[in-house]
Protein backbone atom coordinates (compact mmCIF):
# COMPACT_ATOMS: atom_id res chain seq x y z
CA MET A 1 -70.03 -57.10 -14.21
CA ILE A 2 -68.10 -54.18 -15.67
CA VAL A 3 -68.79 -55.51 -18.96
CA VAL A 4 -72.50 -55.72 -17.90
CA ALA A 5 -72.58 -52.28 -16.68
CA PHE A 6 -70.83 -50.70 -19.87
CA LEU A 7 -73.34 -52.28 -22.27
CA VAL A 8 -76.31 -51.18 -20.16
CA GLY A 9 -74.54 -47.71 -19.73
CA LEU A 10 -74.30 -47.41 -23.71
CA SER A 11 -77.77 -48.82 -24.35
CA VAL A 12 -79.32 -46.26 -21.95
CA LEU A 13 -77.20 -43.55 -23.54
CA LEU A 14 -78.31 -44.39 -26.95
CA VAL A 15 -81.88 -43.90 -25.71
CA VAL A 16 -81.38 -40.59 -24.23
CA VAL A 17 -79.75 -39.44 -27.11
CA ARG A 18 -82.48 -40.05 -29.32
CA ARG A 19 -84.82 -38.83 -26.30
CA PRO A 20 -83.27 -36.48 -23.91
CA HIS A 21 -86.57 -36.01 -21.59
CA ILE A 22 -85.84 -39.92 -21.06
CA GLY A 23 -82.56 -38.99 -19.54
CA LEU A 24 -84.07 -36.33 -17.25
CA TYR A 25 -86.68 -38.55 -16.06
CA MET A 26 -84.29 -41.44 -15.51
CA ALA A 27 -82.07 -38.91 -13.19
CA ILE A 28 -84.96 -37.42 -11.00
CA ALA A 29 -86.10 -41.38 -10.44
CA ALA A 30 -82.56 -42.48 -9.82
CA THR A 31 -82.20 -39.83 -7.01
CA ALA A 32 -83.65 -42.42 -4.81
CA VAL A 33 -80.61 -44.65 -5.43
CA LEU A 34 -77.38 -42.94 -3.99
CA LYS A 35 -75.66 -46.15 -2.64
CA SER A 36 -72.41 -46.08 -4.58
CA PRO A 37 -68.59 -47.44 -4.19
CA GLU A 38 -65.78 -45.39 -2.09
CA LEU A 39 -63.90 -43.81 -5.14
CA PRO A 40 -60.89 -41.73 -5.02
CA ILE A 41 -61.37 -37.89 -5.03
CA VAL A 42 -65.12 -38.06 -5.49
CA ARG A 43 -65.73 -40.46 -2.28
CA GLU A 44 -69.01 -41.69 -2.51
CA LYS A 45 -70.40 -38.78 -4.38
CA LEU A 46 -70.75 -40.35 -7.95
CA THR A 47 -73.72 -42.15 -8.57
CA ALA A 48 -75.96 -43.40 -11.60
CA VAL A 49 -77.55 -39.77 -11.37
CA GLU A 50 -74.30 -38.17 -12.49
CA PHE A 51 -74.09 -40.74 -15.61
CA LEU A 52 -77.98 -40.19 -16.58
CA MET A 53 -77.42 -36.03 -16.17
CA VAL A 54 -74.26 -36.33 -18.37
CA PHE A 55 -76.16 -38.67 -20.66
CA THR A 56 -78.88 -35.81 -20.90
CA TRP A 57 -76.42 -33.37 -21.36
CA ILE A 58 -75.08 -34.99 -24.58
CA GLY A 59 -78.57 -35.71 -25.81
CA ILE A 60 -79.40 -32.12 -25.75
CA LEU A 61 -76.30 -31.73 -27.37
CA ILE A 62 -77.08 -33.82 -30.31
CA THR A 63 -80.64 -34.07 -30.63
CA GLY A 64 -82.17 -30.86 -28.73
CA ILE A 65 -85.46 -30.49 -27.36
CA PRO A 66 -88.66 -30.38 -29.68
CA GLN A 67 -89.97 -27.17 -26.93
CA LYS A 68 -86.91 -25.11 -27.29
CA LYS A 69 -88.59 -22.26 -29.14
CA LEU A 70 -91.54 -21.86 -26.36
CA PRO A 71 -90.28 -18.82 -24.48
CA MET A 72 -88.82 -18.71 -21.26
CA SER A 73 -90.61 -16.74 -18.73
CA ARG A 74 -89.42 -13.36 -17.97
CA GLU A 75 -89.37 -14.53 -14.22
CA ALA A 76 -87.69 -17.74 -14.64
CA SER A 77 -84.93 -15.60 -16.54
CA HIS A 78 -84.57 -13.70 -13.56
CA ASN A 79 -84.42 -16.40 -11.35
CA LYS A 80 -82.09 -18.06 -13.76
CA VAL A 81 -79.51 -15.00 -13.03
CA LEU A 82 -79.93 -15.08 -9.48
CA ALA A 83 -78.87 -19.02 -9.45
CA ILE A 84 -76.09 -18.18 -12.02
CA THR A 85 -74.84 -15.37 -9.41
CA PHE A 86 -74.83 -17.73 -6.58
CA ALA A 87 -72.58 -20.48 -8.66
CA LEU A 88 -70.28 -17.58 -9.48
CA TRP A 89 -70.02 -16.43 -6.00
CA VAL A 90 -69.56 -19.89 -4.34
CA LEU A 91 -66.70 -20.75 -7.14
CA LEU A 92 -65.02 -16.99 -6.66
CA CYS A 93 -64.81 -18.29 -2.52
CA GLY A 94 -63.66 -21.64 -3.04
CA VAL A 95 -60.80 -20.23 -5.62
CA ALA A 96 -59.74 -17.39 -3.38
CA HIS A 97 -59.61 -19.67 -0.21
CA ASN A 98 -57.77 -22.08 -1.74
CA MET A 99 -55.10 -19.78 -3.12
CA MET A 100 -54.83 -18.00 0.43
CA THR A 101 -54.14 -21.50 2.04
CA GLY A 102 -51.93 -22.99 -0.97
CA TRP A 103 -54.31 -25.23 -2.39
CA ILE A 104 -53.17 -27.89 0.70
CA PHE A 105 -57.19 -28.72 1.18
CA ALA A 106 -57.90 -28.32 -2.65
CA SER A 107 -59.44 -31.56 -3.56
CA SER A 108 -62.14 -31.69 -0.73
CA SER A 109 -62.93 -27.89 -1.13
CA MET A 110 -62.77 -27.77 -4.97
CA LEU A 111 -65.18 -31.02 -5.04
CA GLU A 112 -67.51 -29.30 -2.73
CA THR A 113 -67.72 -26.15 -5.00
CA VAL A 114 -68.10 -28.14 -8.30
CA ASN A 115 -70.82 -30.36 -6.28
CA TYR A 116 -72.69 -26.84 -5.81
CA ILE A 117 -72.35 -25.95 -9.33
CA TYR A 118 -73.19 -29.14 -10.52
CA GLY A 119 -76.45 -28.66 -8.40
CA ILE A 120 -77.23 -25.64 -10.32
CA CYS A 121 -76.70 -27.38 -13.56
CA ILE A 122 -79.27 -29.80 -12.49
CA TYR A 123 -81.73 -26.71 -11.73
CA LEU A 124 -80.68 -25.05 -15.20
CA THR A 125 -81.44 -28.24 -17.14
CA ILE A 126 -84.81 -28.74 -15.75
CA LEU A 127 -85.20 -24.94 -16.78
CA TYR A 128 -84.28 -25.29 -20.25
CA MET A 129 -86.12 -28.69 -20.75
CA VAL A 130 -89.27 -28.49 -19.19
CA ARG A 131 -91.40 -26.26 -21.40
CA ASP A 132 -94.75 -27.71 -20.62
CA TRP A 133 -97.06 -28.83 -18.52
CA THR A 134 -96.83 -32.85 -19.82
CA THR A 135 -92.91 -32.86 -19.07
CA TRP A 136 -93.61 -31.07 -15.92
CA ARG A 137 -95.99 -33.73 -14.89
CA ASN A 138 -93.50 -36.50 -16.08
CA CYS A 139 -91.07 -34.93 -13.60
CA LEU A 140 -93.41 -35.45 -10.76
CA TRP A 141 -94.32 -38.94 -11.74
CA ALA A 142 -90.50 -39.78 -12.03
CA TRP A 143 -89.96 -38.69 -8.50
CA VAL A 144 -92.78 -41.05 -7.60
CA ALA A 145 -91.02 -43.70 -9.29
CA GLY A 146 -88.27 -43.36 -7.10
CA ALA A 147 -90.39 -43.10 -4.10
CA VAL A 148 -91.72 -46.54 -4.85
CA VAL A 149 -87.99 -47.87 -4.89
CA ALA A 150 -87.18 -46.12 -1.74
CA ALA A 151 -90.44 -46.40 0.32
CA GLY A 152 -90.51 -50.02 -0.96
CA VAL A 153 -87.21 -51.16 0.56
CA GLY A 154 -87.70 -49.22 3.36
CA THR A 155 -91.01 -50.40 4.08
CA MET A 156 -89.13 -54.02 4.16
CA ALA A 157 -86.22 -52.75 6.66
CA THR A 158 -88.64 -51.39 8.62
CA ILE A 159 -90.96 -54.50 9.09
CA ALA A 160 -89.11 -57.52 8.07
CA ARG A 161 -85.33 -56.11 9.04
CA VAL A 162 -84.29 -56.92 5.17
CA PRO A 163 -82.23 -56.30 3.72
CA VAL A 164 -79.56 -55.74 5.90
CA TRP A 165 -77.71 -53.05 3.63
CA ALA A 166 -80.78 -50.80 4.20
CA ILE A 167 -80.37 -50.84 7.99
CA GLU A 168 -77.65 -48.82 9.75
CA ASP A 169 -75.50 -51.61 12.03
CA PHE A 170 -75.42 -49.97 15.48
CA THR A 171 -78.43 -47.80 15.73
CA GLY A 172 -80.95 -50.03 13.64
CA ARG A 173 -82.22 -46.89 11.69
CA VAL A 174 -83.47 -47.51 7.99
CA ASN A 175 -81.32 -46.15 5.37
CA SER A 176 -83.35 -47.85 2.49
CA THR A 177 -81.67 -47.57 -0.70
CA LEU A 178 -79.79 -43.95 0.16
CA ARG A 179 -76.65 -43.64 2.05
CA ASN A 180 -77.95 -42.67 5.65
CA GLU A 181 -81.46 -42.63 7.23
CA ASN A 182 -81.51 -38.36 7.28
CA GLN A 183 -81.35 -38.85 3.31
CA VAL A 184 -84.56 -40.91 3.40
CA PRO A 185 -87.01 -38.54 4.46
CA SER A 186 -85.30 -35.57 2.64
CA PHE A 187 -86.49 -37.41 -0.50
CA LEU A 188 -89.71 -39.15 0.14
CA LEU A 189 -91.73 -36.52 2.00
CA PRO A 190 -91.21 -33.46 -0.18
CA ILE A 191 -93.07 -35.17 -2.98
CA LEU A 192 -95.60 -36.70 -0.29
CA PRO A 193 -98.30 -34.06 -0.91
CA VAL A 194 -98.14 -34.33 -4.55
CA VAL A 195 -98.88 -38.07 -4.15
CA VAL A 196 -101.99 -36.99 -2.40
CA ILE A 197 -102.88 -34.75 -5.26
CA LEU A 198 -102.14 -37.42 -7.96
CA PHE A 199 -104.07 -40.00 -5.69
CA ALA A 200 -107.31 -37.43 -5.77
CA TYR A 201 -107.26 -36.74 -9.82
CA SER A 202 -110.84 -37.03 -10.98
CA ASN A 203 -109.95 -39.26 -13.72
CA ARG A 204 -107.84 -41.78 -12.00
CA LYS A 205 -108.38 -45.25 -12.02
CA LEU A 206 -109.69 -47.46 -8.84
CA TRP A 207 -106.35 -49.44 -9.13
CA HIS A 208 -103.97 -46.64 -9.60
CA ARG A 209 -105.66 -45.05 -6.35
CA VAL A 210 -104.98 -48.33 -4.77
CA ALA A 211 -101.31 -48.22 -5.45
CA LEU A 212 -100.90 -44.36 -4.73
CA LEU A 213 -102.41 -44.80 -1.18
CA ALA A 214 -100.29 -47.91 -0.72
CA LEU A 215 -97.53 -46.05 -1.80
CA LEU A 216 -98.38 -43.25 0.77
CA GLY A 217 -98.54 -45.70 3.57
CA ALA A 218 -95.08 -47.25 2.79
CA MET A 219 -93.61 -43.48 2.82
CA LEU A 220 -95.16 -42.88 6.14
CA ILE A 221 -93.94 -46.57 7.59
CA THR A 222 -89.79 -45.68 5.72
CA ALA A 223 -90.09 -42.48 7.40
CA VAL A 224 -90.83 -43.65 10.96
CA GLY A 225 -88.29 -46.66 10.09
CA THR A 226 -85.48 -43.63 9.68
CA GLY A 227 -85.56 -43.01 13.33
CA SER A 228 -85.31 -39.59 12.72
CA ARG A 229 -86.94 -36.73 14.65
CA THR A 230 -86.78 -34.32 11.54
CA ALA A 231 -88.69 -36.69 9.71
CA ILE A 232 -91.57 -36.54 12.07
CA GLY A 233 -91.61 -33.19 11.90
CA MET A 234 -91.77 -33.13 8.14
CA VAL A 235 -94.49 -35.63 8.10
CA ILE A 236 -96.61 -32.97 10.35
CA LEU A 237 -95.84 -30.16 8.13
CA SER A 238 -96.80 -32.25 4.93
CA VAL A 239 -100.08 -32.74 6.57
CA GLY A 240 -100.60 -29.38 7.18
CA GLY A 241 -99.28 -28.78 3.83
CA ILE A 242 -101.84 -31.24 2.17
CA LEU A 243 -104.72 -29.74 4.43
CA GLY A 244 -103.46 -26.20 3.29
CA VAL A 245 -104.10 -26.90 -0.24
CA TRP A 246 -107.48 -28.59 0.38
CA LEU A 247 -108.58 -25.38 2.13
CA TYR A 248 -106.78 -23.35 -0.24
CA GLU A 249 -107.89 -24.41 -3.58
CA GLY A 250 -111.67 -25.31 -2.59
CA LYS A 251 -113.42 -27.27 -5.26
CA THR A 252 -112.76 -28.16 -9.14
CA ARG A 253 -113.99 -31.04 -10.90
CA GLN A 254 -110.56 -32.19 -11.90
CA VAL A 255 -109.68 -33.01 -8.31
CA LYS A 256 -111.59 -34.59 -5.94
CA PHE A 257 -111.14 -32.29 -2.61
CA SER A 258 -113.28 -34.75 -0.55
CA LEU A 259 -110.82 -37.05 -1.04
CA ILE A 260 -107.92 -34.69 -0.19
CA GLY A 261 -109.55 -33.83 3.01
CA SER A 262 -110.60 -37.29 4.15
CA LEU A 263 -106.64 -38.37 3.35
CA GLY A 264 -105.36 -35.36 4.87
CA MET A 265 -107.51 -36.14 8.40
CA ALA A 266 -106.30 -39.69 8.28
CA LEU A 267 -102.61 -38.88 8.35
CA VAL A 268 -103.37 -36.72 11.09
CA VAL A 269 -105.03 -39.58 12.63
CA SER A 270 -102.58 -41.64 12.04
CA THR A 271 -99.49 -39.50 13.03
CA VAL A 272 -101.02 -39.32 16.75
CA MET A 273 -101.79 -43.44 16.90
CA TYR A 274 -97.64 -43.29 16.00
CA PHE A 275 -96.88 -41.49 18.97
CA VAL A 276 -99.41 -43.41 20.95
CA VAL A 277 -98.31 -46.71 19.86
CA ALA A 278 -94.32 -45.39 20.23
CA LEU A 279 -94.87 -44.25 23.54
CA ALA A 280 -96.94 -47.41 24.94
CA ALA A 281 -93.88 -49.75 23.88
CA PHE A 282 -91.26 -47.60 25.11
CA ASP A 283 -89.77 -48.13 28.60
CA GLY A 284 -88.89 -44.86 29.46
CA ASN A 285 -85.26 -45.31 29.19
CA TYR A 286 -83.85 -44.26 25.77
CA ARG A 287 -81.00 -45.56 24.62
CA LEU A 288 -79.13 -45.39 21.34
CA GLY A 289 -78.45 -48.66 19.45
CA LYS A 290 -81.11 -50.40 22.20
CA THR A 291 -84.12 -48.49 21.64
CA PRO A 292 -85.79 -49.52 18.40
CA ALA A 293 -85.44 -46.63 15.59
CA TRP A 294 -88.83 -46.72 15.18
CA GLN A 295 -89.76 -45.36 18.70
CA ARG A 296 -86.43 -42.84 18.50
CA PRO A 297 -88.55 -39.89 17.16
CA ALA A 298 -91.72 -40.16 19.96
CA ALA A 299 -89.06 -41.25 22.73
CA MET A 300 -86.65 -38.25 22.43
CA LEU A 301 -89.39 -35.62 21.55
CA THR A 302 -91.43 -36.93 24.92
CA ASN A 303 -88.16 -36.63 27.13
CA TRP A 304 -87.67 -32.97 25.54
CA VAL A 305 -91.20 -31.95 26.41
CA THR A 306 -91.01 -33.27 29.96
CA GLY A 307 -87.79 -31.89 30.54
CA LYS A 308 -86.10 -35.34 31.01
CA ASN A 309 -83.47 -34.79 28.10
CA GLY A 310 -82.48 -31.83 25.66
CA LEU A 311 -83.48 -31.65 22.08
CA ASP A 312 -80.25 -31.85 20.50
CA SER A 313 -76.64 -30.47 21.97
CA THR A 314 -74.61 -30.77 18.75
CA ARG A 315 -76.56 -28.89 16.23
CA PRO A 316 -76.82 -25.65 18.57
CA ALA A 317 -73.28 -25.75 19.49
CA GLN A 318 -72.26 -25.98 15.92
CA ILE A 319 -74.24 -23.10 15.23
CA GLN A 320 -73.24 -20.73 18.16
CA ALA A 321 -69.50 -21.65 16.67
CA SER A 322 -70.24 -20.28 13.12
CA PHE A 323 -71.86 -17.00 14.52
CA GLU A 324 -69.15 -16.55 16.74
CA HIS A 325 -66.81 -16.72 14.05
CA ILE A 326 -68.94 -14.98 10.89
CA GLY A 327 -67.70 -11.41 11.54
CA SER A 328 -64.05 -12.35 10.45
CA TYR A 329 -65.58 -14.38 7.33
CA ALA A 330 -68.46 -11.99 6.51
CA LEU A 331 -67.24 -11.61 3.12
CA LEU A 332 -66.01 -14.57 1.55
CA GLY A 333 -66.93 -16.92 4.13
CA THR A 334 -64.32 -19.52 4.96
CA GLY A 335 -64.52 -20.90 1.74
CA PRO A 336 -66.55 -24.38 0.51
CA LYS A 337 -65.49 -27.25 2.89
CA LEU A 338 -63.12 -25.50 4.69
CA ALA A 339 -65.07 -24.45 7.71
CA GLY A 340 -63.82 -27.44 9.63
CA LYS A 341 -60.21 -26.65 8.73
CA LYS A 342 -59.98 -22.97 9.58
CA LEU A 343 -61.89 -22.97 12.62
CA HIS A 344 -61.98 -26.44 14.01
CA ILE A 345 -65.35 -27.24 14.32
CA GLU A 346 -67.64 -30.08 12.85
CA GLU A 347 -69.40 -29.36 9.75
CA VAL A 348 -72.57 -27.61 10.57
CA HIS A 349 -76.09 -29.63 10.42
CA ASN A 350 -78.13 -26.65 9.03
CA THR A 351 -78.00 -25.61 5.48
CA TYR A 352 -78.54 -21.93 5.92
CA VAL A 353 -75.88 -21.49 8.76
CA GLY A 354 -73.59 -23.86 7.21
CA LEU A 355 -73.83 -22.06 3.64
CA MET A 356 -73.31 -18.61 5.32
CA ILE A 357 -69.94 -19.49 7.18
CA GLU A 358 -68.83 -21.26 3.98
CA THR A 359 -69.75 -18.42 1.45
CA GLY A 360 -70.35 -14.99 3.79
CA VAL A 361 -73.36 -13.17 4.24
CA PHE A 362 -73.58 -12.30 0.54
CA GLY A 363 -73.39 -16.23 -0.30
CA ILE A 364 -76.63 -16.93 1.86
CA LEU A 365 -78.55 -14.03 0.93
CA ILE A 366 -78.21 -14.72 -2.68
CA PHE A 367 -79.12 -18.21 -2.00
CA LEU A 368 -82.18 -17.34 -0.10
CA ILE A 369 -83.34 -14.93 -2.41
CA TRP A 370 -83.24 -17.27 -5.24
CA LEU A 371 -85.11 -19.83 -3.13
CA PHE A 372 -88.00 -17.39 -2.38
CA HIS A 373 -88.09 -15.94 -5.45
CA ALA A 374 -88.94 -19.49 -7.50
CA ALA A 375 -91.45 -20.39 -4.92
CA TRP A 376 -93.15 -16.71 -4.84
CA LEU A 377 -93.65 -16.39 -8.35
CA PRO A 378 -95.62 -19.43 -9.29
CA PHE A 379 -97.71 -18.88 -6.46
CA LYS A 380 -98.74 -15.51 -7.25
CA LYS A 381 -99.65 -16.69 -10.53
CA LEU A 382 -101.83 -19.42 -9.58
CA ARG A 383 -105.11 -18.21 -10.13
CA LYS A 384 -104.17 -17.54 -13.85
CA GLU A 385 -103.86 -21.25 -14.51
CA PRO A 386 -107.44 -22.22 -15.95
CA SER A 387 -106.44 -26.11 -14.87
CA GLY A 388 -107.74 -26.82 -11.38
CA TYR A 389 -105.51 -30.15 -11.40
CA HIS A 390 -102.30 -27.92 -12.69
CA ARG A 391 -103.12 -25.33 -9.63
CA ALA A 392 -103.43 -28.07 -7.19
CA LEU A 393 -100.21 -30.01 -8.28
CA LEU A 394 -98.32 -26.62 -8.26
CA LEU A 395 -99.80 -25.94 -4.57
CA ALA A 396 -98.61 -29.41 -3.32
CA LEU A 397 -95.03 -28.93 -5.02
CA ILE A 398 -94.90 -25.50 -3.00
CA ALA A 399 -96.02 -27.52 0.19
CA GLY A 400 -93.30 -30.10 -0.29
CA PHE A 401 -90.82 -27.34 -1.11
CA VAL A 402 -91.66 -25.92 2.04
CA VAL A 403 -91.15 -29.37 3.75
CA CYS A 404 -87.62 -29.40 2.01
CA LEU A 405 -86.71 -26.03 3.34
CA PHE A 406 -87.84 -27.28 6.96
CA TYR A 407 -85.28 -30.20 6.58
CA GLN A 408 -82.31 -28.07 5.83
CA ASN A 409 -82.67 -26.47 9.43
CA PHE A 410 -81.27 -30.04 10.23
CA CYS A 411 -79.00 -30.97 7.99
CA PHE A 412 -76.80 -29.82 5.50
CA GLY A 413 -78.63 -30.84 2.22
CA LEU A 414 -76.84 -29.06 -0.85
CA ARG A 415 -75.15 -32.04 -1.95
CA GLN A 416 -78.45 -34.08 -2.37
CA ARG A 417 -80.26 -33.30 -5.66
CA ASN A 418 -83.49 -32.71 -4.12
CA ILE A 419 -83.71 -28.75 -3.16
CA TRP A 420 -82.09 -28.20 -6.83
CA ILE A 421 -84.90 -30.18 -8.62
CA LEU A 422 -87.41 -28.84 -7.07
CA THR A 423 -86.41 -25.32 -7.12
CA GLY A 424 -86.05 -25.61 -11.05
CA LEU A 425 -89.53 -27.47 -11.48
CA LEU A 426 -91.14 -24.01 -9.24
CA ALA A 427 -89.12 -21.89 -11.63
CA VAL A 428 -90.22 -23.05 -14.86
CA THR A 429 -94.21 -22.69 -13.90
CA PRO A 430 -94.69 -19.10 -14.51
CA ALA A 431 -93.92 -19.92 -18.47
CA LEU A 432 -96.26 -22.64 -18.15
CA ILE A 433 -99.23 -21.04 -16.63
CA ASP A 434 -98.99 -17.94 -18.97
CA ARG A 435 -98.83 -20.35 -21.98
CA SER A 436 -102.09 -21.92 -20.38
CA GLY A 437 -103.64 -18.67 -20.30
CA ARG A 438 -102.85 -17.54 -23.83
CA GLN A 439 -104.33 -20.90 -25.16
CA LEU A 440 -107.29 -20.22 -23.15
CA MET A 441 -107.79 -17.16 -24.39
CA TRP A 442 -107.37 -18.06 -27.84
CA LEU A 443 -109.90 -21.03 -27.45
CA LYS A 444 -112.65 -18.53 -25.94
CA GLN A 445 -111.87 -16.41 -29.14
CA LYS A 446 -112.30 -19.28 -31.87
CA ARG A 447 -115.59 -20.28 -29.98
CA ALA A 448 -116.82 -16.50 -30.09
CA MET A 449 -116.11 -16.51 -33.97
CA ILE A 450 -117.98 -19.67 -34.42
CA GLU A 451 -120.99 -18.49 -32.19
CA GLN A 452 -120.78 -15.17 -34.60
CA LYS A 453 -121.09 -17.19 -37.47
CA LYS A 454 -123.83 -19.11 -36.65
CA SER A 455 -125.62 -16.11 -35.11
CA THR A 456 -125.37 -14.79 -38.96
CA ILE A 457 -126.36 -17.67 -40.92
């Protein structure tokens, strides 16, 4: 197996060195598969994604990219400065606190620090490599390819309960090709609005539409199979985002908005039907490990609405404990992965509060400014993009970004690659929009010159 893995890796490296973009696409797709062996120090954090990213960086160093002469937008440069500032601040917090504690927790803390910096490196790689709409769309298709794998395995696990490694032993919740059940919706659902736009593209062949429709169904089934309440909230938010794209963008010849509206309404009906069927099958007594995972979100949300049970007790307690101690750690936080050691609390299941307690007030502020800057600038420039297809895809990606940010309220999601990839794909689009505008202006000028010559003749 080691020999086979080495030969496969070497073959992939040779391909990626010649065409580094393939390495980026493969890395994005491989984000769907996070199951990996437990290793010393890095534990289970080393996956195929990391090897593919390293191969991509080697390819960039040796070959470069054909589009590197295309300028990066001023907006992307500003966003890059924010990202690098965040990475340097995290490094400062990590080094400072480990020096204070005598480096006794250095292995876990510095690994966490490196993990944040690695996420920023993924973002910077996308910022450097994606310089045209074709590459940008290919990155989306790479994510869709990964979704095919994760949703395909997840659907089998939800319906047929196979393969067994895709199901959590005690609870029966589906984790598919990822490490745990909460990672599944964080990968699948941010790309769901984009899949809807790909489905509605005017030039799409019928069998392609059928395949994308099947993928949408598999994504929803898998989301339900995870038994995650957050997943149901993300589905509802995704549907709202799809309908928002439909209402905001209106009509264009490149996208069949009647299909988007129809599919959006079908998703609304499907969500309602899920609650109807799940509650009809629910015996009224929720028990972890006994109640089927697919019924769990509907059962727990219903019990919460009716006052029978609280929605959650763990997360509020973690958040409260973090805010109680933030006064003592407002500047540099506790240091990455050191909150539990210093405050004797479990890791906060909330990215924003967890990052605040780890890196202080400045850390969370610069992180949030970076995220919202990356999403706001392309939205502000949206109307300057002449392609209705690209406008719709960008709106759908912004909707998926909002879904990803919603997820961060309920899990600590910075160890996952999704948020870094999404931010990079948004930050590059102002330059793409500017380039499209210049090309359109050039075409108009050329047509005007041709018409002028004709009239002179």
